[in-house]
N, C-alpha and C. Protein backbone atom coordinates (compact mmCIF):
# COMPACT_ATOMS: atom_id res chain seq x y z
N MET A 1 -5.12 -21.73 6.63
CA MET A 1 -4.24 -20.80 7.31
C MET A 1 -4.93 -19.43 7.37
N SER A 2 -4.80 -18.77 8.49
CA SER A 2 -5.43 -17.46 8.64
C SER A 2 -4.61 -16.39 7.94
N ARG A 3 -5.28 -15.28 7.64
CA ARG A 3 -4.61 -14.15 6.99
C ARG A 3 -3.61 -13.53 7.95
N PRO A 4 -2.49 -13.06 7.41
CA PRO A 4 -1.52 -12.36 8.26
C PRO A 4 -2.14 -11.10 8.85
N THR A 5 -1.71 -10.78 10.03
CA THR A 5 -2.18 -9.57 10.70
C THR A 5 -1.03 -8.59 10.84
N ALA A 6 -1.34 -7.41 11.30
CA ALA A 6 -0.31 -6.41 11.54
C ALA A 6 0.72 -6.93 12.55
N VAL A 7 0.27 -7.72 13.51
CA VAL A 7 1.19 -8.32 14.49
C VAL A 7 2.22 -9.20 13.77
N ASP A 8 1.75 -10.00 12.81
CA ASP A 8 2.65 -10.86 12.04
C ASP A 8 3.67 -10.05 11.25
N VAL A 9 3.21 -8.96 10.65
CA VAL A 9 4.10 -8.11 9.85
C VAL A 9 5.14 -7.44 10.74
N ILE A 10 4.71 -6.86 11.85
CA ILE A 10 5.65 -6.20 12.77
C ILE A 10 6.65 -7.20 13.32
N ARG A 11 6.19 -8.38 13.67
CA ARG A 11 7.09 -9.42 14.18
C ARG A 11 8.14 -9.79 13.14
N ALA A 12 7.70 -10.02 11.89
CA ALA A 12 8.63 -10.40 10.82
C ALA A 12 9.64 -9.29 10.54
N LEU A 13 9.18 -8.05 10.51
CA LEU A 13 10.10 -6.92 10.29
C LEU A 13 11.13 -6.84 11.42
N THR A 14 10.66 -6.97 12.64
CA THR A 14 11.55 -6.88 13.81
C THR A 14 12.59 -7.99 13.78
N GLU A 15 12.15 -9.21 13.49
CA GLU A 15 13.07 -10.36 13.45
C GLU A 15 14.16 -10.18 12.40
N ARG A 16 13.84 -9.52 11.30
CA ARG A 16 14.79 -9.35 10.20
C ARG A 16 15.51 -8.00 10.23
N GLY A 17 15.15 -7.16 11.18
CA GLY A 17 15.79 -5.85 11.28
C GLY A 17 15.47 -4.93 10.13
N LEU A 18 14.22 -4.99 9.65
CA LEU A 18 13.79 -4.20 8.49
C LEU A 18 12.78 -3.13 8.90
N THR A 19 12.66 -2.10 8.06
CA THR A 19 11.69 -1.04 8.29
C THR A 19 10.68 -0.99 7.14
N VAL A 20 9.54 -0.35 7.40
CA VAL A 20 8.48 -0.26 6.42
C VAL A 20 7.91 1.16 6.38
N ALA A 21 7.44 1.57 5.20
CA ALA A 21 6.71 2.82 5.00
C ALA A 21 5.53 2.51 4.10
N VAL A 22 4.46 3.29 4.24
CA VAL A 22 3.22 3.00 3.53
C VAL A 22 2.73 4.23 2.76
N ALA A 23 2.34 4.00 1.50
CA ALA A 23 1.69 5.03 0.67
C ALA A 23 0.26 4.57 0.45
N GLU A 24 -0.69 5.40 0.87
CA GLU A 24 -2.09 4.99 0.80
C GLU A 24 -2.93 5.99 0.03
N SER A 25 -3.91 5.45 -0.69
CA SER A 25 -4.91 6.28 -1.33
C SER A 25 -6.27 5.89 -0.75
N LEU A 26 -6.93 4.89 -1.32
CA LEU A 26 -8.29 4.57 -0.89
C LEU A 26 -8.39 4.14 0.56
N THR A 27 -7.32 3.65 1.15
CA THR A 27 -7.35 3.21 2.54
C THR A 27 -7.16 4.37 3.51
N GLY A 28 -6.74 5.52 3.04
CA GLY A 28 -6.72 6.73 3.83
C GLY A 28 -6.03 6.66 5.18
N GLY A 29 -5.01 5.83 5.32
CA GLY A 29 -4.28 5.72 6.58
C GLY A 29 -4.60 4.48 7.39
N LEU A 30 -5.52 3.65 6.91
CA LEU A 30 -5.90 2.45 7.66
C LEU A 30 -4.75 1.45 7.79
N VAL A 31 -3.94 1.32 6.74
CA VAL A 31 -2.82 0.37 6.80
C VAL A 31 -1.83 0.81 7.88
N LEU A 32 -1.45 2.06 7.84
CA LEU A 32 -0.51 2.58 8.84
C LEU A 32 -1.10 2.47 10.24
N SER A 33 -2.38 2.77 10.38
CA SER A 33 -3.05 2.67 11.67
C SER A 33 -2.98 1.24 12.22
N GLU A 34 -3.22 0.27 11.34
CA GLU A 34 -3.12 -1.14 11.77
C GLU A 34 -1.72 -1.46 12.24
N LEU A 35 -0.73 -1.04 11.48
CA LEU A 35 0.66 -1.35 11.84
C LEU A 35 1.05 -0.71 13.17
N VAL A 36 0.71 0.56 13.35
CA VAL A 36 1.17 1.25 14.56
C VAL A 36 0.33 0.90 15.78
N SER A 37 -0.74 0.14 15.61
CA SER A 37 -1.51 -0.33 16.76
C SER A 37 -0.80 -1.46 17.49
N VAL A 38 0.24 -2.01 16.88
CA VAL A 38 0.98 -3.13 17.45
C VAL A 38 2.10 -2.60 18.36
N PRO A 39 2.16 -3.06 19.59
CA PRO A 39 3.26 -2.65 20.46
C PRO A 39 4.61 -2.99 19.82
N GLY A 40 5.54 -2.06 19.87
CA GLY A 40 6.85 -2.25 19.27
C GLY A 40 6.95 -1.78 17.84
N ALA A 41 5.85 -1.30 17.28
CA ALA A 41 5.84 -0.87 15.88
C ALA A 41 6.82 0.28 15.63
N SER A 42 7.04 1.11 16.64
CA SER A 42 7.90 2.28 16.43
C SER A 42 9.33 1.89 16.06
N ALA A 43 9.72 0.68 16.34
CA ALA A 43 11.07 0.23 15.98
C ALA A 43 11.21 -0.08 14.50
N VAL A 44 10.09 -0.31 13.81
CA VAL A 44 10.18 -0.74 12.41
C VAL A 44 9.34 0.08 11.42
N VAL A 45 8.39 0.84 11.90
CA VAL A 45 7.54 1.65 11.01
C VAL A 45 8.15 3.04 10.86
N ARG A 46 8.48 3.41 9.63
CA ARG A 46 9.07 4.72 9.36
C ARG A 46 8.00 5.81 9.25
N GLY A 47 6.86 5.47 8.66
CA GLY A 47 5.79 6.45 8.49
C GLY A 47 4.96 6.14 7.28
N GLY A 48 4.13 7.11 6.91
CA GLY A 48 3.26 6.90 5.78
C GLY A 48 2.86 8.20 5.13
N VAL A 49 2.35 8.07 3.90
CA VAL A 49 1.86 9.20 3.13
C VAL A 49 0.47 8.82 2.63
N VAL A 50 -0.52 9.65 2.95
CA VAL A 50 -1.85 9.48 2.37
C VAL A 50 -1.94 10.45 1.21
N ALA A 51 -1.89 9.90 0.02
CA ALA A 51 -1.96 10.69 -1.21
C ALA A 51 -3.29 10.37 -1.89
N TYR A 52 -4.35 10.92 -1.33
CA TYR A 52 -5.70 10.63 -1.81
C TYR A 52 -5.95 11.30 -3.16
N ALA A 53 -5.56 12.54 -3.30
CA ALA A 53 -5.72 13.26 -4.57
C ALA A 53 -4.66 12.77 -5.57
N THR A 54 -5.08 12.62 -6.81
CA THR A 54 -4.18 12.08 -7.84
C THR A 54 -2.88 12.85 -7.96
N GLU A 55 -2.94 14.19 -7.96
CA GLU A 55 -1.71 14.97 -8.14
C GLU A 55 -0.72 14.77 -7.00
N LEU A 56 -1.21 14.41 -5.82
CA LEU A 56 -0.29 14.17 -4.70
C LEU A 56 0.52 12.90 -4.89
N LYS A 57 0.01 11.97 -5.65
CA LYS A 57 0.78 10.76 -5.95
C LYS A 57 2.06 11.15 -6.68
N HIS A 58 1.97 12.15 -7.53
CA HIS A 58 3.15 12.66 -8.22
C HIS A 58 3.98 13.55 -7.29
N ASP A 59 3.33 14.54 -6.69
CA ASP A 59 4.04 15.54 -5.88
C ASP A 59 4.76 14.95 -4.68
N LEU A 60 4.14 14.02 -3.99
CA LEU A 60 4.71 13.48 -2.75
C LEU A 60 5.45 12.17 -2.92
N LEU A 61 5.04 11.38 -3.93
CA LEU A 61 5.60 10.04 -4.05
C LEU A 61 6.40 9.81 -5.33
N GLY A 62 6.37 10.80 -6.23
CA GLY A 62 7.17 10.69 -7.45
C GLY A 62 6.57 9.83 -8.54
N VAL A 63 5.27 9.55 -8.46
CA VAL A 63 4.63 8.79 -9.54
C VAL A 63 4.67 9.65 -10.81
N ASP A 64 5.00 9.03 -11.91
CA ASP A 64 5.14 9.72 -13.19
C ASP A 64 3.86 10.47 -13.55
N ALA A 65 3.96 11.78 -13.73
CA ALA A 65 2.80 12.62 -14.02
C ALA A 65 2.14 12.25 -15.34
N ALA A 66 2.94 11.90 -16.34
CA ALA A 66 2.38 11.51 -17.64
C ALA A 66 1.59 10.21 -17.52
N LEU A 67 2.06 9.30 -16.72
CA LEU A 67 1.36 8.04 -16.47
C LEU A 67 0.01 8.31 -15.82
N LEU A 68 0.00 9.17 -14.82
CA LEU A 68 -1.25 9.53 -14.14
C LEU A 68 -2.21 10.23 -15.10
N ALA A 69 -1.69 11.10 -15.94
CA ALA A 69 -2.53 11.84 -16.89
C ALA A 69 -3.12 10.93 -17.95
N SER A 70 -2.36 9.94 -18.38
CA SER A 70 -2.83 9.08 -19.46
C SER A 70 -3.70 7.93 -18.98
N GLY A 71 -3.36 7.35 -17.84
CA GLY A 71 -4.09 6.16 -17.41
C GLY A 71 -4.80 6.28 -16.08
N GLY A 72 -4.59 7.38 -15.38
CA GLY A 72 -5.23 7.55 -14.09
C GLY A 72 -4.50 6.82 -12.98
N PRO A 73 -5.00 6.94 -11.76
CA PRO A 73 -4.29 6.39 -10.60
C PRO A 73 -4.55 4.92 -10.32
N ILE A 74 -5.46 4.29 -11.06
CA ILE A 74 -5.84 2.93 -10.73
C ILE A 74 -5.24 1.97 -11.74
N GLN A 75 -3.97 1.69 -11.55
CA GLN A 75 -3.25 0.76 -12.41
C GLN A 75 -2.03 0.24 -11.67
N ALA A 76 -1.54 -0.90 -12.12
CA ALA A 76 -0.43 -1.58 -11.45
C ALA A 76 0.80 -0.69 -11.32
N CYS A 77 1.18 -0.03 -12.41
CA CYS A 77 2.42 0.75 -12.36
C CYS A 77 2.32 1.94 -11.41
N VAL A 78 1.12 2.46 -11.19
CA VAL A 78 0.97 3.54 -10.22
C VAL A 78 1.19 2.99 -8.80
N ALA A 79 0.58 1.87 -8.49
CA ALA A 79 0.80 1.25 -7.18
C ALA A 79 2.27 0.95 -6.96
N GLU A 80 2.93 0.43 -7.99
CA GLU A 80 4.36 0.10 -7.88
C GLU A 80 5.19 1.35 -7.64
N GLN A 81 4.90 2.43 -8.38
CA GLN A 81 5.67 3.67 -8.19
C GLN A 81 5.37 4.31 -6.83
N MET A 82 4.14 4.16 -6.35
CA MET A 82 3.82 4.65 -5.01
C MET A 82 4.64 3.90 -3.96
N ALA A 83 4.71 2.58 -4.07
CA ALA A 83 5.46 1.77 -3.11
C ALA A 83 6.95 2.11 -3.16
N SER A 84 7.48 2.23 -4.36
CA SER A 84 8.90 2.58 -4.52
C SER A 84 9.17 3.99 -4.01
N GLY A 85 8.25 4.90 -4.32
CA GLY A 85 8.41 6.30 -3.91
C GLY A 85 8.40 6.47 -2.40
N VAL A 86 7.46 5.82 -1.72
CA VAL A 86 7.40 5.96 -0.26
C VAL A 86 8.61 5.28 0.39
N ARG A 87 9.04 4.19 -0.19
CA ARG A 87 10.23 3.49 0.33
C ARG A 87 11.44 4.42 0.26
N ALA A 88 11.63 5.08 -0.87
CA ALA A 88 12.78 5.97 -1.06
C ALA A 88 12.66 7.23 -0.21
N ARG A 89 11.50 7.86 -0.25
CA ARG A 89 11.34 9.14 0.44
C ARG A 89 11.37 9.03 1.95
N LEU A 90 10.90 7.90 2.48
CA LEU A 90 10.88 7.74 3.94
C LEU A 90 12.04 6.88 4.44
N GLY A 91 12.91 6.45 3.54
CA GLY A 91 14.09 5.70 3.93
C GLY A 91 13.80 4.36 4.57
N ALA A 92 12.86 3.63 3.99
CA ALA A 92 12.48 2.32 4.53
C ALA A 92 13.04 1.19 3.68
N ASP A 93 13.14 0.03 4.28
CA ASP A 93 13.56 -1.16 3.54
C ASP A 93 12.44 -1.67 2.64
N ILE A 94 11.20 -1.50 3.10
CA ILE A 94 10.04 -2.00 2.38
C ILE A 94 9.02 -0.87 2.24
N GLY A 95 8.45 -0.74 1.04
CA GLY A 95 7.38 0.22 0.81
C GLY A 95 6.12 -0.52 0.41
N LEU A 96 5.00 -0.10 0.96
CA LEU A 96 3.70 -0.68 0.63
C LEU A 96 2.83 0.40 0.01
N ALA A 97 1.90 0.01 -0.86
CA ALA A 97 1.01 1.00 -1.47
C ALA A 97 -0.37 0.42 -1.74
N THR A 98 -1.37 1.31 -1.67
CA THR A 98 -2.75 0.97 -2.02
C THR A 98 -3.33 2.06 -2.91
N THR A 99 -4.01 1.66 -3.98
CA THR A 99 -4.73 2.60 -4.83
C THR A 99 -5.90 1.85 -5.47
N GLY A 100 -7.02 2.52 -5.61
CA GLY A 100 -8.17 1.85 -6.19
C GLY A 100 -9.46 2.59 -5.92
N VAL A 101 -10.57 1.88 -6.08
CA VAL A 101 -11.89 2.47 -5.93
C VAL A 101 -12.62 1.78 -4.78
N ALA A 102 -12.88 2.53 -3.72
CA ALA A 102 -13.62 1.99 -2.59
C ALA A 102 -15.13 2.03 -2.84
N GLY A 103 -15.57 2.93 -3.70
CA GLY A 103 -16.99 3.04 -4.00
C GLY A 103 -17.65 4.13 -3.18
N PRO A 104 -18.90 4.31 -3.28
CA PRO A 104 -19.84 3.39 -3.94
C PRO A 104 -19.93 3.57 -5.46
N GLU A 105 -19.42 4.66 -6.00
CA GLU A 105 -19.52 4.92 -7.44
C GLU A 105 -18.24 4.51 -8.16
N PRO A 106 -18.33 4.16 -9.45
CA PRO A 106 -17.12 3.92 -10.25
C PRO A 106 -16.28 5.20 -10.33
N GLN A 107 -15.01 5.02 -10.63
CA GLN A 107 -14.10 6.16 -10.81
C GLN A 107 -13.28 5.95 -12.07
N ASP A 108 -13.30 6.91 -12.95
CA ASP A 108 -12.52 6.85 -14.19
C ASP A 108 -12.70 5.53 -14.94
N GLY A 109 -13.93 5.00 -14.94
CA GLY A 109 -14.21 3.76 -15.66
C GLY A 109 -13.87 2.50 -14.88
N HIS A 110 -13.44 2.63 -13.65
CA HIS A 110 -13.10 1.48 -12.82
C HIS A 110 -14.22 1.25 -11.81
N PRO A 111 -14.64 -0.01 -11.64
CA PRO A 111 -15.74 -0.29 -10.73
C PRO A 111 -15.30 -0.28 -9.27
N PRO A 112 -16.24 -0.06 -8.36
CA PRO A 112 -15.91 -0.18 -6.94
C PRO A 112 -15.34 -1.57 -6.66
N GLY A 113 -14.33 -1.61 -5.84
CA GLY A 113 -13.69 -2.88 -5.51
C GLY A 113 -12.47 -3.21 -6.35
N GLU A 114 -12.22 -2.43 -7.42
CA GLU A 114 -10.99 -2.63 -8.19
C GLU A 114 -9.87 -1.90 -7.47
N VAL A 115 -8.88 -2.66 -7.06
CA VAL A 115 -7.80 -2.13 -6.23
C VAL A 115 -6.47 -2.70 -6.70
N TRP A 116 -5.44 -1.88 -6.63
CA TRP A 116 -4.07 -2.34 -6.85
C TRP A 116 -3.28 -2.11 -5.56
N ILE A 117 -2.53 -3.13 -5.15
CA ILE A 117 -1.63 -3.00 -4.02
C ILE A 117 -0.23 -3.37 -4.50
N ALA A 118 0.77 -2.85 -3.81
CA ALA A 118 2.15 -3.14 -4.22
C ALA A 118 3.07 -3.16 -3.03
N VAL A 119 4.17 -3.88 -3.20
CA VAL A 119 5.26 -3.89 -2.23
C VAL A 119 6.56 -3.67 -3.00
N ALA A 120 7.42 -2.82 -2.45
CA ALA A 120 8.74 -2.56 -3.04
C ALA A 120 9.79 -2.89 -2.00
N TRP A 121 10.83 -3.58 -2.41
CA TRP A 121 11.94 -3.91 -1.52
C TRP A 121 13.20 -3.97 -2.35
N SER A 122 14.31 -4.32 -1.75
CA SER A 122 15.60 -4.27 -2.44
C SER A 122 15.64 -5.13 -3.70
N ALA A 123 14.88 -6.21 -3.73
CA ALA A 123 14.89 -7.10 -4.88
C ALA A 123 13.96 -6.67 -6.00
N GLY A 124 13.12 -5.68 -5.76
CA GLY A 124 12.21 -5.24 -6.82
C GLY A 124 10.87 -4.80 -6.29
N VAL A 125 9.88 -4.89 -7.16
CA VAL A 125 8.52 -4.44 -6.84
C VAL A 125 7.53 -5.49 -7.32
N ARG A 126 6.49 -5.68 -6.55
CA ARG A 126 5.44 -6.62 -6.93
C ARG A 126 4.09 -5.96 -6.71
N SER A 127 3.19 -6.08 -7.68
CA SER A 127 1.84 -5.55 -7.52
C SER A 127 0.82 -6.67 -7.71
N VAL A 128 -0.35 -6.44 -7.11
CA VAL A 128 -1.44 -7.42 -7.17
C VAL A 128 -2.74 -6.66 -7.41
N ARG A 129 -3.55 -7.16 -8.33
CA ARG A 129 -4.88 -6.58 -8.58
C ARG A 129 -5.89 -7.32 -7.72
N LEU A 130 -6.74 -6.56 -7.05
CA LEU A 130 -7.80 -7.12 -6.24
C LEU A 130 -9.15 -6.76 -6.85
N GLU A 131 -10.10 -7.66 -6.73
CA GLU A 131 -11.49 -7.39 -7.08
C GLU A 131 -12.30 -7.72 -5.83
N LEU A 132 -12.59 -6.70 -5.05
CA LEU A 132 -13.23 -6.89 -3.77
C LEU A 132 -14.71 -6.55 -3.84
N GLY A 133 -15.52 -7.30 -3.14
CA GLY A 133 -16.95 -7.05 -3.09
C GLY A 133 -17.32 -6.35 -1.79
N GLY A 134 -18.58 -5.98 -1.73
CA GLY A 134 -19.09 -5.36 -0.53
C GLY A 134 -19.14 -3.85 -0.63
N ASP A 135 -19.49 -3.25 0.50
CA ASP A 135 -19.59 -1.79 0.54
C ASP A 135 -18.21 -1.15 0.69
N ARG A 136 -18.20 0.15 0.79
CA ARG A 136 -16.96 0.92 0.89
C ARG A 136 -16.08 0.43 2.05
N THR A 137 -16.68 0.19 3.19
CA THR A 137 -15.93 -0.28 4.35
C THR A 137 -15.31 -1.64 4.09
N ALA A 138 -16.06 -2.53 3.47
CA ALA A 138 -15.55 -3.87 3.18
C ALA A 138 -14.39 -3.82 2.19
N VAL A 139 -14.48 -2.96 1.19
CA VAL A 139 -13.40 -2.83 0.21
C VAL A 139 -12.14 -2.31 0.89
N ARG A 140 -12.28 -1.31 1.71
CA ARG A 140 -11.11 -0.75 2.40
C ARG A 140 -10.50 -1.77 3.36
N ARG A 141 -11.33 -2.49 4.12
CA ARG A 141 -10.82 -3.52 5.05
C ARG A 141 -10.12 -4.64 4.28
N GLY A 142 -10.74 -5.07 3.19
CA GLY A 142 -10.14 -6.12 2.38
C GLY A 142 -8.80 -5.71 1.80
N THR A 143 -8.69 -4.44 1.45
CA THR A 143 -7.43 -3.93 0.93
C THR A 143 -6.35 -3.96 2.01
N VAL A 144 -6.70 -3.55 3.21
CA VAL A 144 -5.73 -3.58 4.33
C VAL A 144 -5.25 -5.01 4.55
N GLU A 145 -6.18 -5.96 4.61
CA GLU A 145 -5.79 -7.36 4.83
C GLU A 145 -4.87 -7.86 3.73
N ALA A 146 -5.20 -7.53 2.48
CA ALA A 146 -4.39 -8.00 1.35
C ALA A 146 -3.00 -7.39 1.33
N VAL A 147 -2.89 -6.11 1.66
CA VAL A 147 -1.56 -5.48 1.62
C VAL A 147 -0.70 -5.96 2.79
N LEU A 148 -1.31 -6.29 3.92
CA LEU A 148 -0.53 -6.88 5.02
C LEU A 148 0.02 -8.24 4.60
N ASP A 149 -0.78 -9.00 3.88
CA ASP A 149 -0.33 -10.29 3.35
C ASP A 149 0.83 -10.08 2.38
N LEU A 150 0.68 -9.11 1.49
CA LEU A 150 1.73 -8.81 0.52
C LEU A 150 3.00 -8.30 1.20
N ALA A 151 2.84 -7.60 2.30
CA ALA A 151 4.00 -7.10 3.05
C ALA A 151 4.92 -8.24 3.48
N LEU A 152 4.34 -9.35 3.84
CA LEU A 152 5.17 -10.48 4.26
C LEU A 152 6.00 -11.03 3.11
N ASP A 153 5.51 -10.88 1.88
CA ASP A 153 6.34 -11.24 0.71
C ASP A 153 7.59 -10.37 0.67
N GLY A 154 7.39 -9.06 0.90
CA GLY A 154 8.52 -8.14 0.88
C GLY A 154 9.49 -8.41 2.01
N VAL A 155 8.96 -8.72 3.18
CA VAL A 155 9.83 -9.02 4.32
C VAL A 155 10.63 -10.27 4.06
N GLY A 156 9.97 -11.29 3.53
CA GLY A 156 10.65 -12.55 3.22
C GLY A 156 11.63 -12.43 2.07
N GLY A 157 11.35 -11.51 1.13
CA GLY A 157 12.19 -11.37 -0.04
C GLY A 157 13.36 -10.41 0.13
N SER A 158 13.37 -9.69 1.24
CA SER A 158 14.46 -8.71 1.43
C SER A 158 15.75 -9.36 1.84
């Protein structure tokens, strides 16, 4: 079976009457760009927040500042709080989030390709750890593909 695409996500959201918002770090807006490239996306996409700097994850998305200070931005609970935060702040049914290291250098002891993605919806929050190979572009593309796949879990679970 092929990987879900933005078309699949927009179609599923539209069929179920749901909306989505995206919180991005390492992907820098690529997830939202993929979603809004689909005709009809404006009916279901609420918007997105690119919180590339660590402090913006707290300031804009409500990620716990103590959590960020103690463990940094590359952990499951940060991705989960980003997804929940963007969902609440943008008034969406589903929130998606990406955080991790695109490379080429490690960050805070985490190797390039270590990524956390999350989806938040009415039933809860789910995060997934990715270990992606390749250069910076490949890591970012792989993250977009994986979070679109995870989005369908949120759409189906809502």
